[in-house]
Protein backbone atom coordinates (compact mmCIF):
# COMPACT_ATOMS: atom_id res chain seq x y z
CA UNK A 1 -1.67 -8.89 -3.94
CA UNK A 2 -3.54 -8.92 -0.62
CA UNK A 3 -5.02 -5.51 -1.49
CA UNK A 4 -6.26 -6.80 -4.85
CA UNK A 5 -7.90 -9.86 -3.25
CA UNK A 6 -9.52 -7.67 -0.61
CA UNK A 7 -10.82 -5.30 -3.29
CA UNK A 8 -12.33 -8.15 -5.35
CA UNK A 9 -14.11 -9.51 -2.29
CA UNK A 10 -15.58 -6.09 -1.54
CA UNK A 11 -16.88 -5.76 -5.11
CA UNK A 12 -18.60 -9.15 -4.83
CA UNK A 13 -20.21 -8.16 -1.52
CA UNK A 14 -21.27 -4.81 -2.98
CA UNK A 15 -22.94 -6.53 -5.95
CA UNK A 16 -24.85 -8.80 -3.60
CA UNK A 17 -25.95 -5.76 -1.59
CA UNK A 18 -27.42 -4.24 -4.74
CA UNK A 19 -29.65 -7.29 -5.19
CA UNK A 20 -30.93 -6.99 -1.61
CA UNK A 21 -31.87 -3.31 -1.89
CA UNK A 22 -33.68 -2.70 -5.18
CA UNK A 23 -33.49 1.08 -4.73
CA UNK A 24 -29.74 1.08 -4.24
CA UNK A 25 -27.62 3.02 -6.74
CA UNK A 26 -24.36 1.36 -7.75
CA UNK A 27 -21.63 3.27 -9.61
CA UNK A 28 -18.34 1.86 -10.90
CA UNK A 29 -15.49 4.29 -11.55
CA UNK A 30 -12.35 3.93 -13.65
CA UNK A 31 -9.93 6.84 -13.25
CA UNK A 32 -6.53 8.05 -14.40
CA UNK A 33 -4.69 10.98 -12.85
CA UNK A 34 -1.38 12.82 -12.75
CA UNK A 35 -0.18 14.20 -9.41
CA UNK A 36 2.83 16.50 -9.68
CA UNK A 37 3.68 16.34 -5.96
CA UNK A 38 2.89 12.90 -4.54
CA UNK A 39 5.72 13.37 -2.03
CA UNK A 40 4.00 16.45 -0.55
CA UNK A 41 7.36 18.22 -0.46
CA UNK A 42 8.31 21.89 -0.49
CA UNK A 43 11.79 21.71 -2.06
CA UNK A 44 12.19 21.10 -5.79
CA UNK A 45 14.81 18.45 -5.00
CA UNK A 46 12.26 16.50 -2.91
CA UNK A 47 9.20 16.85 -5.14
CA UNK A 48 8.15 13.63 -6.89
CA UNK A 49 5.34 13.17 -9.41
CA UNK A 50 3.49 10.06 -10.53
CA UNK A 51 0.67 8.67 -12.63
CA UNK A 52 -2.19 6.88 -10.90
CA UNK A 53 -4.94 4.60 -12.16
CA UNK A 54 -7.90 3.72 -9.99
CA UNK A 55 -10.89 1.39 -9.89
CA UNK A 56 -13.72 2.04 -7.47
CA UNK A 57 -17.29 1.20 -6.61
CA UNK A 58 -19.82 3.44 -4.88
CA UNK A 59 -23.13 2.32 -3.34
CA UNK A 60 -25.95 4.55 -2.08
CA UNK A 61 -29.33 3.72 -0.60
CA UNK A 62 -31.96 6.21 0.56
CA UNK A 63 -34.85 5.82 2.97
CA UNK A 64 -37.49 8.53 3.05
CA UNK A 65 -38.59 9.33 6.60
CA UNK A 66 -41.07 12.05 5.63
CA UNK A 67 -41.77 13.87 2.35
CA UNK A 68 -39.13 16.40 3.42
CA UNK A 69 -36.46 14.24 5.09
CA UNK A 70 -34.54 11.03 4.66
CA UNK A 71 -31.47 8.99 5.49
CA UNK A 72 -28.75 8.22 2.96
CA UNK A 73 -26.50 5.21 3.55
CA UNK A 74 -23.37 5.10 1.42
CA UNK A 75 -20.19 3.10 0.96
CA UNK A 76 -17.20 3.53 -1.29
CA UNK A 77 -14.24 1.27 -2.08
CA UNK A 78 -11.38 2.25 -4.37
CA UNK A 79 -8.02 0.80 -5.34
CA UNK A 80 -5.36 3.26 -6.59
CA UNK A 81 -2.25 1.96 -8.36
CA UNK A 82 0.81 4.24 -8.61
CA UNK A 83 3.07 3.80 -11.63
CA UNK A 84 6.49 4.62 -10.12
CA UNK A 85 5.94 4.72 -6.36
CA UNK A 86 4.15 1.39 -5.96
CA UNK A 87 4.48 1.56 -2.16
CA UNK A 88 1.84 4.31 -2.28
CA UNK A 89 -0.70 2.05 -4.02
CA UNK A 90 -3.60 1.61 -1.64
CA UNK A 91 -7.20 0.66 -0.98
CA UNK A 92 -9.61 3.15 0.56
CA UNK A 93 -12.86 1.81 1.99
CA UNK A 94 -15.50 3.86 3.77
CA UNK A 95 -19.05 3.73 5.03
CA UNK A 96 -21.20 6.72 5.91
CA UNK A 97 -24.64 8.00 6.75
CA UNK A 98 -26.33 11.34 6.05
CA UNK A 99 -29.50 12.84 7.43
CA UNK A 100 -31.06 15.22 4.89
CA UNK A 101 -34.01 17.52 5.42
CA UNK A 102 -35.70 20.47 3.75
CA UNK A 103 -37.54 22.62 6.33
CA UNK A 104 -39.48 24.55 3.69
CA UNK A 105 -40.92 23.10 0.48
CA UNK A 106 -39.88 24.41 -2.91
CA UNK A 107 -37.33 23.78 -5.63
CA UNK A 108 -35.07 26.64 -4.47
CA UNK A 109 -35.54 26.04 -0.72
CA UNK A 110 -32.31 25.07 1.08
CA UNK A 111 -31.54 21.43 1.82
CA UNK A 112 -29.55 20.59 4.97
CA UNK A 113 -27.27 17.57 5.30
CA UNK A 114 -25.57 16.22 8.44
CA UNK A 115 -23.24 13.29 7.82
CA UNK A 116 -20.62 10.99 9.29
CA UNK A 117 -18.05 8.86 7.44
CA UNK A 118 -15.72 6.14 8.74
CA UNK A 119 -12.82 5.45 6.40
CA UNK A 120 -10.01 2.89 6.33
CA UNK A 121 -6.71 3.16 4.40
CA UNK A 122 -4.49 0.15 3.58
CA UNK A 123 -1.24 0.81 1.68
CA UNK A 124 0.79 -1.63 -0.37
CA UNK A 125 4.06 -1.06 1.48
CA UNK A 126 3.90 2.03 3.68
CA UNK A 127 2.67 1.03 7.12
CA UNK A 128 2.97 4.57 8.50
CA UNK A 129 0.21 5.65 6.07
CA UNK A 130 -2.25 2.92 7.06
CA UNK A 131 -5.01 4.16 9.31
CA UNK A 132 -8.62 4.93 10.10
CA UNK A 133 -10.40 8.29 9.88
CA UNK A 134 -13.71 9.65 11.13
CA UNK A 135 -15.24 12.65 9.35
CA UNK A 136 -18.22 14.74 10.44
CA UNK A 137 -19.80 17.27 8.07
CA UNK A 138 -22.71 19.71 8.01
CA UNK A 139 -23.77 21.17 4.65
CA UNK A 140 -26.47 23.34 3.14
CA UNK A 141 -27.28 23.48 -0.58
CA UNK A 142 -29.79 25.29 -2.75
CA UNK A 143 -30.79 25.61 -6.39
CA UNK A 144 -30.57 29.28 -7.34
CA UNK A 145 -32.00 28.58 -10.79
CA UNK A 146 -32.80 25.41 -12.68
CA UNK A 147 -29.15 25.41 -13.84
CA UNK A 148 -27.22 26.75 -10.85
CA UNK A 149 -26.74 25.02 -7.51
CA UNK A 150 -24.69 26.38 -4.59
CA UNK A 151 -23.48 24.55 -1.49
CA UNK A 152 -21.31 25.12 1.54
CA UNK A 153 -20.55 23.74 4.95
CA UNK A 154 -18.13 22.85 7.70
CA UNK A 155 -16.49 19.62 8.78
CA UNK A 156 -13.95 18.00 11.07
CA UNK A 157 -11.71 14.96 10.64
CA UNK A 158 -9.88 12.77 13.14
CA UNK A 159 -7.38 10.21 11.85
CA UNK A 160 -5.63 7.41 13.74
CA UNK A 161 -2.45 5.97 12.20
CA UNK A 162 -1.97 2.23 12.12
CA UNK A 163 1.72 2.60 12.99
CA UNK A 164 3.52 5.48 14.69
CA UNK A 165 2.10 8.98 15.08
CA UNK A 166 3.02 10.81 11.90
CA UNK A 167 -0.33 10.21 10.17
CA UNK A 168 -2.44 10.74 13.27
CA UNK A 169 -4.15 14.09 12.95
CA UNK A 170 -7.06 16.43 13.67
CA UNK A 171 -8.35 18.93 11.08
CA UNK A 172 -11.26 21.36 10.78
CA UNK A 173 -12.59 22.40 7.39
CA UNK A 174 -14.85 24.96 5.73
CA UNK A 175 -15.91 24.47 2.12
CA UNK A 176 -18.10 25.85 -0.67
CA UNK A 177 -19.02 24.81 -4.17
CA UNK A 178 -21.11 25.62 -7.23
CA UNK A 179 -22.58 23.62 -10.12
CA UNK A 180 -23.67 25.10 -13.44
CA UNK A 181 -25.50 22.94 -15.97
CA UNK A 182 -24.71 24.70 -19.23
CA UNK A 183 -26.26 21.99 -21.42
CA UNK A 184 -28.53 18.98 -20.85
CA UNK A 185 -25.48 16.69 -20.82
CA UNK A 186 -22.72 18.81 -19.27
CA UNK A 187 -22.25 20.37 -15.83
CA UNK A 188 -19.38 22.60 -14.77
CA UNK A 189 -18.42 22.57 -11.10
CA UNK A 190 -16.06 24.44 -8.81
CA UNK A 191 -15.12 23.67 -5.20
CA UNK A 192 -12.94 25.46 -2.68
CA UNK A 193 -12.00 24.48 0.87
CA UNK A 194 -9.75 25.55 3.72
CA UNK A 195 -8.54 23.18 6.44
CA UNK A 196 -6.74 24.10 9.64
CA UNK A 197 -4.91 21.50 11.70
CA UNK A 198 -2.32 18.78 11.20
CA UNK A 199 -0.61 18.35 7.82
CA UNK A 200 2.36 16.21 6.78
CA UNK A 201 5.38 17.70 4.98
CA UNK A 202 7.98 15.46 3.31
CA UNK A 203 11.50 16.80 3.04
CA UNK A 204 15.17 16.07 3.30
CA UNK A 205 16.22 16.67 6.94
CA UNK A 206 14.92 20.19 7.62
CA UNK A 207 15.71 21.99 10.92
CA UNK A 208 13.06 24.62 10.23
CA UNK A 209 10.32 21.98 10.11
CA UNK A 210 11.83 20.04 13.01
CA UNK A 211 11.43 22.97 15.39
CA UNK A 212 7.64 23.12 14.88
CA UNK A 213 6.86 19.44 14.32
CA UNK A 214 4.52 17.36 16.48
CA UNK A 215 5.98 14.12 15.05
CA UNK A 216 8.88 13.16 12.78
CA UNK A 217 9.78 9.87 11.11
CA UNK A 218 11.70 8.48 8.17
CA UNK A 219 9.67 7.90 4.99
CA UNK A 220 11.13 4.90 3.16
CA UNK A 221 8.90 5.46 0.14
CA UNK A 222 11.11 8.41 -0.85
CA UNK A 223 14.50 7.11 0.26
CA UNK A 224 16.19 9.38 2.79
CA UNK A 225 13.20 11.71 3.04
CA UNK A 226 11.65 12.46 6.41
CA UNK A 227 7.98 13.15 7.20
CA UNK A 228 7.05 16.03 9.53
CA UNK A 229 3.59 16.56 11.04
CA UNK A 230 2.93 20.24 11.75
CA UNK A 231 0.07 22.68 12.25
CA UNK A 232 -0.75 24.15 8.86
CA UNK A 233 -3.44 25.62 6.65
CA UNK A 234 -4.52 23.74 3.52
CA UNK A 235 -6.32 25.49 0.66
CA UNK A 236 -7.78 23.30 -2.09
CA UNK A 237 -9.29 24.55 -5.36
CA UNK A 238 -11.06 22.30 -7.85
CA UNK A 239 -12.57 22.86 -11.29
CA UNK A 240 -14.27 20.18 -13.33
CA UNK A 241 -16.72 19.20 -16.02
CA UNK A 242 -19.13 16.27 -15.81
CA UNK A 243 -20.32 15.08 -19.22
CA UNK A 244 -23.11 12.55 -19.72
CA UNK A 245 -22.11 10.15 -22.51
CA UNK A 246 -25.22 8.01 -22.22
CA UNK A 247 -27.98 7.34 -19.73
CA UNK A 248 -25.61 5.17 -17.70
CA UNK A 249 -22.14 6.57 -18.42
CA UNK A 250 -20.52 9.85 -17.37
CA UNK A 251 -17.10 11.29 -18.16
CA UNK A 252 -15.68 13.54 -15.43
CA UNK A 253 -12.61 15.73 -15.97
CA UNK A 254 -11.22 17.62 -12.99
CA UNK A 255 -8.23 19.78 -12.07
CA UNK A 256 -7.35 20.19 -8.40
CA UNK A 257 -4.72 22.50 -6.91
CA UNK A 258 -3.65 22.46 -3.27
CA UNK A 259 -1.47 24.77 -1.18
CA UNK A 260 -0.30 23.78 2.31
CA UNK A 261 1.39 26.44 4.45
CA UNK A 262 2.81 26.96 7.93
CA UNK A 263 4.27 30.12 9.40
CA UNK A 264 7.50 29.68 7.43
CA UNK A 265 7.16 26.83 4.94
CA UNK A 266 4.72 25.75 2.25
CA UNK A 267 4.21 23.29 -0.57
CA UNK A 268 1.70 23.01 -3.36
CA UNK A 269 0.73 20.71 -6.17
CA UNK A 270 -1.77 20.01 -8.92
CA UNK A 271 -3.64 16.87 -9.87
CA UNK A 272 -5.34 16.30 -13.22
CA UNK A 273 -7.98 13.55 -13.12
CA UNK A 274 -10.11 11.87 -15.77
CA UNK A 275 -12.81 9.46 -14.59
CA UNK A 276 -15.33 7.28 -16.38
CA UNK A 277 -18.37 6.37 -14.26
CA UNK A 278 -20.97 3.73 -15.08
CA UNK A 279 -24.24 3.49 -13.14
CA UNK A 280 -26.09 0.19 -12.91
CA UNK A 281 -29.83 0.66 -13.32
């Protein structure tokens, strides 16, 4: 209940912010997804799946500094409700800033983006997952044609757990993506990323993971399961289609697959997501 109250208050504040900044873009998102490995486990006996519904709001405001540069301020708040594992239901709230510039004029000239994001996680009943994260990213993007846009970059993330050490981590990431507008109302997109650093495995007591773990703790969300933080590589692949329903409403359908591996263990999973976004104008 406290998460719901907090979320409502943030929506009210966000609506007021929109009135203050006339140029601010405000998007509301309603999503439904299916995650076939919410437990982030490697063994079939430990893998749990769940359905998730989410409600979020995103706010962006841009200031032009010069004709070729500007600052983007952004904030995002989302509440995710899990059907079976309610302890995983949580609010994510973040605020960020990007500096964007285009050294050379032209539609196909590259655009550079340097950004920072501070994010807070508050879970319904899993204190070890609460925490705060700081992300730094540098990205370059370019329109190859009027229908194709490519992007890529690097980033780093530092997370501090609210309780214990299991969800305290450091990760470095490289990523790339492409967008193809195959009709005036539909855009296909694909993203791929690789992260190196700390990852959390969930498993029944596992000596193989214990020997390489930086931190270990019981995870009450999944009964007798234990959580292990280890050095690992995470590969994430995403395919999606963004379809404009009207001038204000967009339907987004995405499929994301992840694979997390160490020297001797790995787990993977897939998430199917459907989102409806409405932009206030």
